[in-house]
Each structure stands twice: as C-alpha cells, then as structure tokens.
Amino acid sequence: MALQMNSELDSSIAVPEELNDQQSRSGQTNSIQEESEKVSTSDRSLVCDFKQLKLEKEAQKNWDLFYKRNTTNFFKDRHWTTREFEELKACRQFESQRLVLLEAGCGVGNCIFPLLEEDLNLFVYACDFSPRAVDFVKQNPLCCPERCCAFQCDLTHNDLRDNVPEASVDVVTLIFVLSAIHPDKMRQALENICKVLKPGGIVLFRDYGLNDHTMLRFKAGSKLGDNFYVRQDGTRSYFFSKELLAELFEAAGFNCVVNDYVLRETINKKEGLCVPRVFLQSKFTKPGQSQSS
C-alpha cells in the first residue's frame, strides 16, 4: 500500500517518517542482513558515559525544544493509518460502537486529528513526553473534552492509569515513539501501556527498522549503543530488529500477531536521490477475551 510521506535525509535532525513512497516491499530479510554486515564492519566508538547520562536527563527538554523550533509544521498529518491498520475500523463488534484509542506519543496530533475527523465514534486519549507538544494538541479545535483527552506523560515513569482507566482502551497506536526511548526503559513503557489496554485489545506499532537509511547515515560520535544513536539536536533514535521487538512485547505481556519489515524506496526530489527506508510494522494483542465498549 502506498504511504504518503515527506522526505528529509539529514540524520543530524529528527527525521520524519513521512516520505514520498515510490515502491513498497516487505519481508526481504536477506537484504537487511546484508546491510547489517556492512554496518558491523564499521568500528564506531560510543558516546562517553557522561554525555549519555546528560542526554537521558535532558531528553524531555530536547524534545520540547524540537517542538518549539518546528511547532506543528514538521510532520505531515498521517492520513495513512486507517489504510495500514484496518483494525482501526474492523475491531468494532458493531458499527456504532464507540472505539477508545490511546495514542502513546501523540506529538502535535498528526495521527489523532485525521482519525477524529474521519471517525465520529472515536474517543482518543493522547499523551506525549513533551509538554509543548501536548499544548499544541489542546489548542486544536478537534481536541474537545467529549472526544479527546490530552495529557503530558513519561511512559517510562508516570502511570498511565492516572489519566486513563485501567483496561479501558480498545486500541493503542505506538507510531515512531518507542525508538525515542532508551532501550533499558522500553519494557517499562510497554508494561505501562498494557495496564490500560483491554484484554483482547491491540497495539498497532510502526517504527524505524534495523539499517534504515537514517541509521546508515549517522556519523562517528553519534552512537550510544547497539542500534541506538543521537542526532545533533539531542533527540535519540533506536533501530529495531523484528526479533528484539517481539522479545520486548512478549516480555511485557503481549502476544504477537504480525511483526515484519516494511521496505520502501523513496525519492528526495530536491536532491535527486533515491534511498532505501526500513520500517517495522507490527501488531500485538493483550491476552484475554475482547470486551465491547
């Protein structure tokens, strides 16, 4: 399926996932392994412990500065989510059923607002690490109390149940969010999400895959750990293998439904470049029988 995206090739800043797709392929594991071998031959020293601790301490500040610089203009609205994730429509037991969705890491609302416009029987909980991003969400006319509850939250520290009733959410969207969390804290974030998801509920996941073009372009001095890098603006990004992602979700109490690479060839028309992109697109469920809203 085609995906509408906006190209940005400089790995020194937070790279948007929306690119102009020219071709779509999935499951081509061999090519990913070949690229992994190329990267492994490159000896890159890690960022020193002092700087790594500073980056972790200032993670929220760096994302807040990102939204201060870019406001609501960086990412395009994600009108592709219902095409890529049919569960956003198909998981209802009856057509008029209200669907409760949690957008974990909502940014400025590029995912939730197209969904709220399209689906009148949708209620959204929207949270983000950045207080500034949440303020932008609250300023949108579509963010009305009857249909949307936006709040600031550190998924690795704050209990989601302070704002979202336990086991009340039908669907969680986790789109280009987990990669920004330190790998040591990813499981904690997923366990937090699991608490508010209904038994039988589903997590829809999309994020950077191992050996994505942005990963291969990081320069020396930006590596924090295995598949984990820092951009010049201080924001960080992890690049997932499907094996590691499955282990993370299963350890946090989820069952895997779908978990595979999505490979894209994208074109930067301004630069005249065609580059490979690698994403992971996955679906995980919370064990137990689904409940109607």
C-alpha atoms as a PDB file:
ATOM      1  CA  MET A   1       0.000   0.000   0.000  1.00  0.00           C
ATOM      2  CA  ALA A   2       1.253   3.428  -0.840  1.00  0.00           C
ATOM      3  CA  LEU A   3       2.123   5.714   2.035  1.00  0.00           C
ATOM      4  CA  GLN A   4       2.145   9.486   1.748  1.00  0.00           C
ATOM      5  CA  MET A   5       5.343  10.850   3.280  1.00  0.00           C
ATOM      6  CA  ASN A   6       7.667  13.857   3.264  1.00  0.00           C
ATOM      7  CA  SER A   7      11.401  13.284   2.676  1.00  0.00           C
ATOM      8  CA  GLU A   8      14.188  14.514   4.940  1.00  0.00           C
ATOM      9  CA  LEU A   9      17.602  12.933   4.549  1.00  0.00           C
ATOM     10  CA  ASP A  10      19.785  14.737   7.089  1.00  0.00           C
ATOM     11  CA  SER A  11      20.292  12.381  10.027  1.00  0.00           C
ATOM     12  CA  SER A  12      21.555  15.244  12.178  1.00  0.00           C
ATOM     13  CA  ILE A  13      17.984  16.324  12.968  1.00  0.00           C
ATOM     14  CA  ALA A  14      14.843  14.435  13.904  1.00  0.00           C
ATOM     15  CA  VAL A  15      13.958  12.693  10.655  1.00  0.00           C
ATOM     16  CA  PRO A  16      10.252  12.497   9.783  1.00  0.00           C
ATOM     17  CA  GLU A  17       8.854   9.107   8.878  1.00  0.00           C
ATOM     18  CA  GLU A  18       6.547  10.516   6.203  1.00  0.00           C
ATOM     19  CA  LEU A  19       8.302  10.114   2.845  1.00  0.00           C
ATOM     20  CA  ASN A  20       7.172  10.061  -0.777  1.00  0.00           C
ATOM     21  CA  ASP A  21       6.925   6.319  -1.379  1.00  0.00           C
ATOM     22  CA  GLN A  22       7.751   5.091  -4.859  1.00  0.00           C
ATOM     23  CA  GLN A  23       7.715   1.353  -4.192  1.00  0.00           C
ATOM     24  CA  SER A  24       6.690  -0.900  -1.309  1.00  0.00           C
ATOM     25  CA  ARG A  25       8.098  -4.290  -0.389  1.00  0.00           C
ATOM     26  CA  SER A  26       8.027  -6.386   2.784  1.00  0.00           C
ATOM     27  CA  GLY A  27       9.769  -9.380   4.310  1.00  0.00           C
ATOM     28  CA  GLN A  28      13.044  -9.029   2.420  1.00  0.00           C
ATOM     29  CA  THR A  29      15.172 -10.184   5.326  1.00  0.00           C
ATOM     30  CA  ASN A  30      18.216 -11.086   3.266  1.00  0.00           C
ATOM     31  CA  SER A  31      18.869  -7.530   2.130  1.00  0.00           C
ATOM     32  CA  ILE A  32      18.519  -6.295   5.713  1.00  0.00           C
ATOM     33  CA  GLN A  33      21.069  -8.848   6.902  1.00  0.00           C
ATOM     34  CA  GLU A  34      23.474  -7.806   4.155  1.00  0.00           C
ATOM     35  CA  GLU A  35      23.255  -4.164   5.216  1.00  0.00           C
ATOM     36  CA  SER A  36      23.746  -5.225   8.849  1.00  0.00           C
ATOM     37  CA  GLU A  37      27.008  -6.916   7.916  1.00  0.00           C
ATOM     38  CA  LYS A  38      28.211  -3.702   6.256  1.00  0.00           C
ATOM     39  CA  VAL A  39      27.441  -1.667   9.369  1.00  0.00           C
ATOM     40  CA  SER A  40      29.127  -4.184  11.683  1.00  0.00           C
ATOM     41  CA  THR A  41      32.403  -3.750   9.813  1.00  0.00           C
ATOM     42  CA  SER A  42      32.387  -0.054  10.714  1.00  0.00           C
ATOM     43  CA  ASP A  43      34.043   0.438  14.118  1.00  0.00           C
ATOM     44  CA  ARG A  44      32.333   3.374  15.775  1.00  0.00           C
ATOM     45  CA  SER A  45      33.228   4.352  19.323  1.00  0.00           C
ATOM     46  CA  LEU A  46      30.391   5.069  21.713  1.00  0.00           C
ATOM     47  CA  VAL A  47      29.456   8.450  23.118  1.00  0.00           C
ATOM     48  CA  CYS A  48      31.041   8.803  26.578  1.00  0.00           C
ATOM     49  CA  ASP A  49      29.035   7.841  29.674  1.00  0.00           C
ATOM     50  CA  PHE A  50      28.865  11.438  30.940  1.00  0.00           C
ATOM     51  CA  LYS A  51      27.230  12.671  27.740  1.00  0.00           C
ATOM     52  CA  GLN A  52      24.888   9.684  27.630  1.00  0.00           C
ATOM     53  CA  LEU A  53      23.671  10.442  31.160  1.00  0.00           C
ATOM     54  CA  LYS A  54      23.216  14.094  30.207  1.00  0.00           C
ATOM     55  CA  LEU A  55      21.177  13.132  27.133  1.00  0.00           C
ATOM     56  CA  GLU A  56      18.924  10.907  29.231  1.00  0.00           C
ATOM     57  CA  LYS A  57      18.453  13.623  31.842  1.00  0.00           C
ATOM     58  CA  GLU A  58      17.646  16.240  29.180  1.00  0.00           C
ATOM     59  CA  ALA A  59      15.522  14.034  26.919  1.00  0.00           C
ATOM     60  CA  GLN A  60      12.292  15.880  27.658  1.00  0.00           C
ATOM     61  CA  LYS A  61      13.997  19.261  27.277  1.00  0.00           C
ATOM     62  CA  ASN A  62      15.402  18.284  23.874  1.00  0.00           C
ATOM     63  CA  TRP A  63      12.004  17.158  22.549  1.00  0.00           C
ATOM     64  CA  ASP A  64      10.380  20.302  23.936  1.00  0.00           C
ATOM     65  CA  LEU A  65      12.965  22.393  22.068  1.00  0.00           C
ATOM     66  CA  PHE A  66      12.266  20.367  18.925  1.00  0.00           C
ATOM     67  CA  TYR A  67       8.578  21.337  19.068  1.00  0.00           C
ATOM     68  CA  LYS A  68       9.477  24.925  19.946  1.00  0.00           C
ATOM     69  CA  ARG A  69      11.533  25.165  16.729  1.00  0.00           C
ATOM     70  CA  ASN A  70       9.149  23.274  14.471  1.00  0.00           C
ATOM     71  CA  THR A  71       5.743  23.911  16.115  1.00  0.00           C
ATOM     72  CA  THR A  72       3.131  21.927  14.145  1.00  0.00           C
ATOM     73  CA  ASN A  73       4.909  22.175  10.792  1.00  0.00           C
ATOM     74  CA  PHE A  74       7.407  19.291  10.829  1.00  0.00           C
ATOM     75  CA  PHE A  75       5.354  16.117  10.335  1.00  0.00           C
ATOM     76  CA  LYS A  76       2.521  15.785   7.861  1.00  0.00           C
ATOM     77  CA  ASP A  77      -0.850  14.508   9.069  1.00  0.00           C
ATOM     78  CA  ARG A  78      -0.942  10.717   8.973  1.00  0.00           C
ATOM     79  CA  HIS A  79      -3.931  10.066   6.752  1.00  0.00           C
ATOM     80  CA  TRP A  80      -2.462   6.621   6.004  1.00  0.00           C
ATOM     81  CA  THR A  81      -3.143   4.975   9.359  1.00  0.00           C
ATOM     82  CA  THR A  82      -6.549   3.505   8.513  1.00  0.00           C
ATOM     83  CA  ARG A  83      -5.134   2.065   5.283  1.00  0.00           C
ATOM     84  CA  GLU A  84      -2.157   0.475   7.015  1.00  0.00           C
ATOM     85  CA  PHE A  85      -4.057  -0.651  10.128  1.00  0.00           C
ATOM     86  CA  GLU A  86      -7.523  -1.950   9.252  1.00  0.00           C
ATOM     87  CA  GLU A  87      -8.070  -2.701  12.957  1.00  0.00           C
ATOM     88  CA  LEU A  88      -8.883   0.969  13.462  1.00  0.00           C
ATOM     89  CA  LYS A  89     -12.152   0.181  11.679  1.00  0.00           C
ATOM     90  CA  ALA A  90     -12.542  -3.579  11.878  1.00  0.00           C
ATOM     91  CA  CYS A  91     -12.145  -4.206  15.607  1.00  0.00           C
ATOM     92  CA  ARG A  92     -15.635  -2.939  16.494  1.00  0.00           C
ATOM     93  CA  GLN A  93     -18.273  -5.521  17.323  1.00  0.00           C
ATOM     94  CA  PHE A  94     -20.966  -3.271  15.793  1.00  0.00           C
ATOM     95  CA  GLU A  95     -20.798  -0.198  13.568  1.00  0.00           C
ATOM     96  CA  SER A  96     -21.981   2.380  16.098  1.00  0.00           C
ATOM     97  CA  GLN A  97     -19.718   1.128  18.884  1.00  0.00           C
ATOM     98  CA  ARG A  98     -17.518   3.812  20.402  1.00  0.00           C
ATOM     99  CA  LEU A  99     -13.869   2.937  19.956  1.00  0.00           C
ATOM    100  CA  VAL A 100     -11.440   4.069  22.654  1.00  0.00           C
ATOM    101  CA  LEU A 101      -7.927   4.733  21.389  1.00  0.00           C
ATOM    102  CA  LEU A 102      -4.705   5.686  23.160  1.00  0.00           C
ATOM    103  CA  GLU A 103      -2.106   7.491  21.057  1.00  0.00           C
ATOM    104  CA  ALA A 104       1.074   6.931  23.073  1.00  0.00           C
ATOM    105  CA  GLY A 105       3.463   9.650  21.964  1.00  0.00           C
ATOM    106  CA  CYS A 106       0.964  11.833  20.154  1.00  0.00           C
ATOM    107  CA  GLY A 107       3.329  14.655  19.179  1.00  0.00           C
ATOM    108  CA  VAL A 108       1.214  17.562  17.937  1.00  0.00           C
ATOM    109  CA  GLY A 109      -1.661  15.305  16.855  1.00  0.00           C
ATOM    110  CA  ASN A 110      -0.725  14.355  13.297  1.00  0.00           C
ATOM    111  CA  CYS A 111      -2.233  10.906  13.798  1.00  0.00           C
ATOM    112  CA  ILE A 112      -5.230  11.552  16.056  1.00  0.00           C
ATOM    113  CA  PHE A 113      -6.817  14.532  14.334  1.00  0.00           C
ATOM    114  CA  PRO A 114      -7.282  12.831  10.927  1.00  0.00           C
ATOM    115  CA  LEU A 115      -8.812   9.895  12.821  1.00  0.00           C
ATOM    116  CA  LEU A 116     -11.164  12.139  14.815  1.00  0.00           C
ATOM    117  CA  GLU A 117     -12.294  13.826  11.601  1.00  0.00           C
ATOM    118  CA  GLU A 118     -12.916  10.513   9.867  1.00  0.00           C
ATOM    119  CA  ASP A 119     -14.467   8.529  12.725  1.00  0.00           C
ATOM    120  CA  LEU A 120     -17.232  10.212  14.739  1.00  0.00           C
ATOM    121  CA  ASN A 121     -17.492   7.222  17.110  1.00  0.00           C
ATOM    122  CA  LEU A 122     -13.912   7.537  18.325  1.00  0.00           C
ATOM    123  CA  PHE A 123     -12.642   8.753  21.687  1.00  0.00           C
ATOM    124  CA  VAL A 124      -8.905   9.404  21.992  1.00  0.00           C
ATOM    125  CA  TYR A 125      -6.531   9.581  24.920  1.00  0.00           C
ATOM    126  CA  ALA A 126      -3.428  11.392  23.670  1.00  0.00           C
ATOM    127  CA  CYS A 127      -0.207  11.703  25.640  1.00  0.00           C
ATOM    128  CA  ASP A 128       3.302  12.883  24.915  1.00  0.00           C
ATOM    129  CA  PHE A 129       6.635  13.309  26.695  1.00  0.00           C
ATOM    130  CA  SER A 130       6.812  16.961  25.608  1.00  0.00           C
ATOM    131  CA  PRO A 131       4.541  19.434  27.457  1.00  0.00           C
ATOM    132  CA  ARG A 132       4.834  21.795  24.495  1.00  0.00           C
ATOM    133  CA  ALA A 133       3.552  19.132  22.088  1.00  0.00           C
ATOM    134  CA  VAL A 134       0.573  18.453  24.370  1.00  0.00           C
ATOM    135  CA  ASP A 135      -0.202  22.184  24.465  1.00  0.00           C
ATOM    136  CA  PHE A 136      -0.349  22.195  20.650  1.00  0.00           C
ATOM    137  CA  VAL A 137      -2.791  19.276  20.760  1.00  0.00           C
ATOM    138  CA  LYS A 138      -5.015  21.055  23.271  1.00  0.00           C
ATOM    139  CA  GLN A 139      -5.116  24.166  21.083  1.00  0.00           C
ATOM    140  CA  ASN A 140      -6.623  22.228  18.172  1.00  0.00           C
ATOM    141  CA  PRO A 141     -10.419  22.726  17.873  1.00  0.00           C
ATOM    142  CA  LEU A 142     -10.875  18.962  17.449  1.00  0.00           C
ATOM    143  CA  CYS A 143      -9.499  18.413  20.951  1.00  0.00           C
ATOM    144  CA  CYS A 144     -12.800  18.774  22.785  1.00  0.00           C
ATOM    145  CA  PRO A 145     -13.493  17.028  26.125  1.00  0.00           C
ATOM    146  CA  GLU A 146     -16.254  14.897  24.610  1.00  0.00           C
ATOM    147  CA  ARG A 147     -13.850  13.252  22.148  1.00  0.00           C
ATOM    148  CA  CYS A 148     -10.266  13.768  23.289  1.00  0.00           C
ATOM    149  CA  CYS A 149      -8.243  13.847  26.492  1.00  0.00           C
ATOM    150  CA  ALA A 150      -4.659  15.100  26.070  1.00  0.00           C
ATOM    151  CA  PHE A 151      -2.067  14.964  28.835  1.00  0.00           C
ATOM    152  CA  GLN A 152       1.692  15.030  29.387  1.00  0.00           C
ATOM    153  CA  CYS A 153       3.202  11.692  30.327  1.00  0.00           C
ATOM    154  CA  ASP A 154       6.574   9.983  30.557  1.00  0.00           C
ATOM    155  CA  LEU A 155       5.678   6.423  29.568  1.00  0.00           C
ATOM    156  CA  THR A 156       8.707   5.093  31.447  1.00  0.00           C
ATOM    157  CA  HIS A 157       7.856   6.844  34.721  1.00  0.00           C
ATOM    158  CA  ASN A 158       4.264   8.138  35.009  1.00  0.00           C
ATOM    159  CA  ASP A 159       1.436   5.645  35.489  1.00  0.00           C
ATOM    160  CA  LEU A 160      -0.979   5.940  32.564  1.00  0.00           C
ATOM    161  CA  ARG A 161      -3.801   4.946  34.921  1.00  0.00           C
ATOM    162  CA  ASP A 162      -3.603   8.407  36.471  1.00  0.00           C
ATOM    163  CA  ASN A 163      -5.348   9.655  33.311  1.00  0.00           C
ATOM    164  CA  VAL A 164      -6.716   6.535  31.605  1.00  0.00           C
ATOM    165  CA  PRO A 165      -8.936   3.971  33.388  1.00  0.00           C
ATOM    166  CA  GLU A 166      -7.360   0.550  33.731  1.00  0.00           C
ATOM    167  CA  ALA A 167      -8.264  -1.949  30.972  1.00  0.00           C
ATOM    168  CA  SER A 168     -10.421   0.635  29.160  1.00  0.00           C
ATOM    169  CA  VAL A 169      -8.627   1.102  25.820  1.00  0.00           C
ATOM    170  CA  ASP A 170      -9.516  -0.858  22.675  1.00  0.00           C
ATOM    171  CA  VAL A 171      -6.542   0.164  20.517  1.00  0.00           C
ATOM    172  CA  VAL A 172      -3.140   1.700  21.217  1.00  0.00           C
ATOM    173  CA  THR A 173      -1.165   3.354  18.447  1.00  0.00           C
ATOM    174  CA  LEU A 174       2.588   3.422  19.052  1.00  0.00           C
ATOM    175  CA  ILE A 175       3.987   5.085  15.947  1.00  0.00           C
ATOM    176  CA  PHE A 176       7.621   6.252  15.823  1.00  0.00           C
ATOM    177  CA  VAL A 177       7.679   6.571  19.618  1.00  0.00           C
ATOM    178  CA  LEU A 178       9.397   3.561  21.190  1.00  0.00           C
ATOM    179  CA  SER A 179      12.572   4.298  19.190  1.00  0.00           C
ATOM    180  CA  ALA A 180      12.978   7.591  21.095  1.00  0.00           C
ATOM    181  CA  ILE A 181      13.060   5.808  24.470  1.00  0.00           C
ATOM    182  CA  HIS A 182      16.258   4.463  25.999  1.00  0.00           C
ATOM    183  CA  PRO A 183      16.415   0.700  25.328  1.00  0.00           C
ATOM    184  CA  ASP A 184      16.711  -0.044  29.067  1.00  0.00           C
ATOM    185  CA  LYS A 185      13.303   1.603  29.636  1.00  0.00           C
ATOM    186  CA  MET A 186      11.340   0.272  26.661  1.00  0.00           C
ATOM    187  CA  ARG A 187       9.872  -2.711  28.502  1.00  0.00           C
ATOM    188  CA  GLN A 188       8.682  -0.442  31.314  1.00  0.00           C
ATOM    189  CA  ALA A 189       6.856   1.744  28.787  1.00  0.00           C
ATOM    190  CA  LEU A 190       5.157  -1.296  27.216  1.00  0.00           C
ATOM    191  CA  GLU A 191       4.095  -2.659  30.614  1.00  0.00           C
ATOM    192  CA  ASN A 192       2.586   0.744  31.379  1.00  0.00           C
ATOM    193  CA  ILE A 193       0.600   0.607  28.133  1.00  0.00           C
ATOM    194  CA  CYS A 194      -0.539  -2.950  28.846  1.00  0.00           C
ATOM    195  CA  LYS A 195      -2.259  -1.835  32.077  1.00  0.00           C
ATOM    196  CA  VAL A 196      -4.765   0.423  30.295  1.00  0.00           C
ATOM    197  CA  LEU A 197      -5.417  -1.877  27.320  1.00  0.00           C
ATOM    198  CA  LYS A 198      -8.464  -4.138  27.469  1.00  0.00           C
ATOM    199  CA  PRO A 199      -7.954  -7.917  27.379  1.00  0.00           C
ATOM    200  CA  GLY A 200      -8.022  -8.733  23.674  1.00  0.00           C
ATOM    201  CA  GLY A 201      -7.047  -5.141  22.812  1.00  0.00           C
ATOM    202  CA  ILE A 202      -4.389  -4.444  20.213  1.00  0.00           C
ATOM    203  CA  VAL A 203      -1.257  -2.317  19.891  1.00  0.00           C
ATOM    204  CA  LEU A 204      -0.556  -1.010  16.385  1.00  0.00           C
ATOM    205  CA  PHE A 205       3.175  -0.383  16.013  1.00  0.00           C
ATOM    206  CA  ARG A 206       5.316   1.303  13.381  1.00  0.00           C
ATOM    207  CA  ASP A 207       8.890   2.475  13.866  1.00  0.00           C
ATOM    208  CA  TYR A 208      12.400   2.543  12.465  1.00  0.00           C
ATOM    209  CA  GLY A 209      13.810  -0.810  11.360  1.00  0.00           C
ATOM    210  CA  LEU A 210      17.390  -2.029  11.522  1.00  0.00           C
ATOM    211  CA  ASN A 211      19.566  -0.473   8.800  1.00  0.00           C
ATOM    212  CA  ASP A 212      17.100   2.172   7.776  1.00  0.00           C
ATOM    213  CA  HIS A 213      18.770   4.841   5.634  1.00  0.00           C
ATOM    214  CA  THR A 214      18.859   7.286   8.545  1.00  0.00           C
ATOM    215  CA  MET A 215      20.767   4.752  10.646  1.00  0.00           C
ATOM    216  CA  LEU A 216      23.387   4.222   7.959  1.00  0.00           C
ATOM    217  CA  ARG A 217      23.953   7.982   7.633  1.00  0.00           C
ATOM    218  CA  PHE A 218      24.832   8.661  11.260  1.00  0.00           C
ATOM    219  CA  LYS A 219      28.384   9.942  11.547  1.00  0.00           C
ATOM    220  CA  ALA A 220      31.097   8.953  14.031  1.00  0.00           C
ATOM    221  CA  GLY A 221      30.464  10.301  17.503  1.00  0.00           C
ATOM    222  CA  SER A 222      26.708   9.746  17.430  1.00  0.00           C
ATOM    223  CA  LYS A 223      26.491   6.104  18.520  1.00  0.00           C
ATOM    224  CA  LEU A 224      25.062   5.486  22.001  1.00  0.00           C
ATOM    225  CA  GLY A 225      24.875   1.690  21.847  1.00  0.00           C
ATOM    226  CA  ASP A 226      23.843  -1.171  19.609  1.00  0.00           C
ATOM    227  CA  ASN A 227      21.432   0.328  17.024  1.00  0.00           C
ATOM    228  CA  PHE A 228      20.985   3.444  19.205  1.00  0.00           C
ATOM    229  CA  TYR A 229      22.063   6.923  18.045  1.00  0.00           C
ATOM    230  CA  VAL A 230      21.811  10.607  18.937  1.00  0.00           C
ATOM    231  CA  ARG A 231      21.019  13.395  16.486  1.00  0.00           C
ATOM    232  CA  GLN A 232      22.654  16.803  16.601  1.00  0.00           C
ATOM    233  CA  ASP A 233      19.605  18.273  18.306  1.00  0.00           C
ATOM    234  CA  GLY A 234      19.952  15.824  21.204  1.00  0.00           C
ATOM    235  CA  THR A 235      16.961  13.643  20.304  1.00  0.00           C
ATOM    236  CA  ARG A 236      17.713   9.942  20.058  1.00  0.00           C
ATOM    237  CA  SER A 237      16.592   7.065  17.879  1.00  0.00           C
ATOM    238  CA  TYR A 238      16.749   3.288  18.158  1.00  0.00           C
ATOM    239  CA  PHE A 239      16.519   0.983  15.134  1.00  0.00           C
ATOM    240  CA  PHE A 240      14.674  -2.286  15.759  1.00  0.00           C
ATOM    241  CA  SER A 241      15.141  -5.822  14.574  1.00  0.00           C
ATOM    242  CA  LYS A 242      11.889  -7.744  14.484  1.00  0.00           C
ATOM    243  CA  GLU A 243      13.346 -10.367  16.822  1.00  0.00           C
ATOM    244  CA  LEU A 244      14.174  -7.822  19.522  1.00  0.00           C
ATOM    245  CA  LEU A 245      10.805  -6.110  19.151  1.00  0.00           C
ATOM    246  CA  ALA A 246       8.966  -9.408  19.592  1.00  0.00           C
ATOM    247  CA  GLU A 247      11.012 -10.183  22.707  1.00  0.00           C
ATOM    248  CA  LEU A 248      10.232  -6.755  24.189  1.00  0.00           C
ATOM    249  CA  PHE A 249       6.480  -7.044  23.681  1.00  0.00           C
ATOM    250  CA  GLU A 250       6.283 -10.653  24.832  1.00  0.00           C
ATOM    251  CA  ALA A 251       8.255  -9.832  27.998  1.00  0.00           C
ATOM    252  CA  ALA A 252       5.748  -7.030  28.690  1.00  0.00           C
ATOM    253  CA  GLY A 253       2.800  -9.438  28.453  1.00  0.00           C
ATOM    254  CA  PHE A 254       1.705  -9.185  24.812  1.00  0.00           C
ATOM    255  CA  ASN A 255       1.126 -11.780  22.110  1.00  0.00           C
ATOM    256  CA  CYS A 256       2.484 -11.181  18.606  1.00  0.00           C
ATOM    257  CA  VAL A 257       0.010 -11.111  15.709  1.00  0.00           C
ATOM    258  CA  VAL A 258       2.085  -9.553  12.917  1.00  0.00           C
ATOM    259  CA  ASN A 259       5.693  -8.395  13.056  1.00  0.00           C
ATOM    260  CA  ASP A 260       7.625  -7.726   9.867  1.00  0.00           C
ATOM    261  CA  TYR A 261       9.803  -5.280   7.991  1.00  0.00           C
ATOM    262  CA  VAL A 262       8.315  -2.861   5.501  1.00  0.00           C
ATOM    263  CA  LEU A 263      10.858  -1.771   2.917  1.00  0.00           C
ATOM    264  CA  ARG A 264      10.407   1.381   0.874  1.00  0.00           C
ATOM    265  CA  GLU A 265      12.259   3.112  -1.919  1.00  0.00           C
ATOM    266  CA  THR A 266      11.789   6.832  -1.503  1.00  0.00           C
ATOM    267  CA  ILE A 267      12.824   9.822  -3.558  1.00  0.00           C
ATOM    268  CA  ASN A 268      14.047  13.210  -2.416  1.00  0.00           C
ATOM    269  CA  LYS A 269      13.085  15.232  -5.478  1.00  0.00           C
ATOM    270  CA  LYS A 270      15.033  18.288  -4.345  1.00  0.00           C
ATOM    271  CA  GLU A 271      18.298  16.329  -4.079  1.00  0.00           C
ATOM    272  CA  GLY A 272      17.503  13.865  -6.860  1.00  0.00           C
ATOM    273  CA  LEU A 273      18.204  10.925  -4.555  1.00  0.00           C
ATOM    274  CA  CYS A 274      16.521   7.542  -4.200  1.00  0.00           C
ATOM    275  CA  VAL A 275      17.113   5.978  -0.804  1.00  0.00           C
ATOM    276  CA  PRO A 276      16.024   2.781   0.980  1.00  0.00           C
ATOM    277  CA  ARG A 277      13.865   3.019   4.084  1.00  0.00           C
ATOM    278  CA  VAL A 278      13.299   0.189   6.543  1.00  0.00           C
ATOM    279  CA  PHE A 279      10.391   0.229   8.999  1.00  0.00           C
ATOM    280  CA  LEU A 280       8.888  -2.332  11.340  1.00  0.00           C
ATOM    281  CA  GLN A 281       5.111  -2.617  11.191  1.00  0.00           C
ATOM    282  CA  SER A 282       3.607  -4.852  13.830  1.00  0.00           C
ATOM    283  CA  LYS A 283       0.504  -5.776  15.789  1.00  0.00           C
ATOM    284  CA  PHE A 284       0.460  -7.146  19.333  1.00  0.00           C
ATOM    285  CA  THR A 285      -2.514  -8.124  21.487  1.00  0.00           C
ATOM    286  CA  LYS A 286      -3.098  -8.286  25.222  1.00  0.00           C
ATOM    287  CA  PRO A 287      -4.118 -11.846  26.172  1.00  0.00           C
ATOM    288  CA  GLY A 288      -7.729 -12.378  27.155  1.00  0.00           C
ATOM    289  CA  GLN A 289     -11.165 -12.170  25.608  1.00  0.00           C
ATOM    290  CA  SER A 290     -12.112  -8.882  23.948  1.00  0.00           C
ATOM    291  CA  GLN A 291     -14.790  -6.778  25.618  1.00  0.00           C
ATOM    292  CA  SER A 292     -17.322  -4.496  23.991  1.00  0.00           C
ATOM    293  CA  SER A 293     -17.286  -0.801  24.868  1.00  0.00           C
END
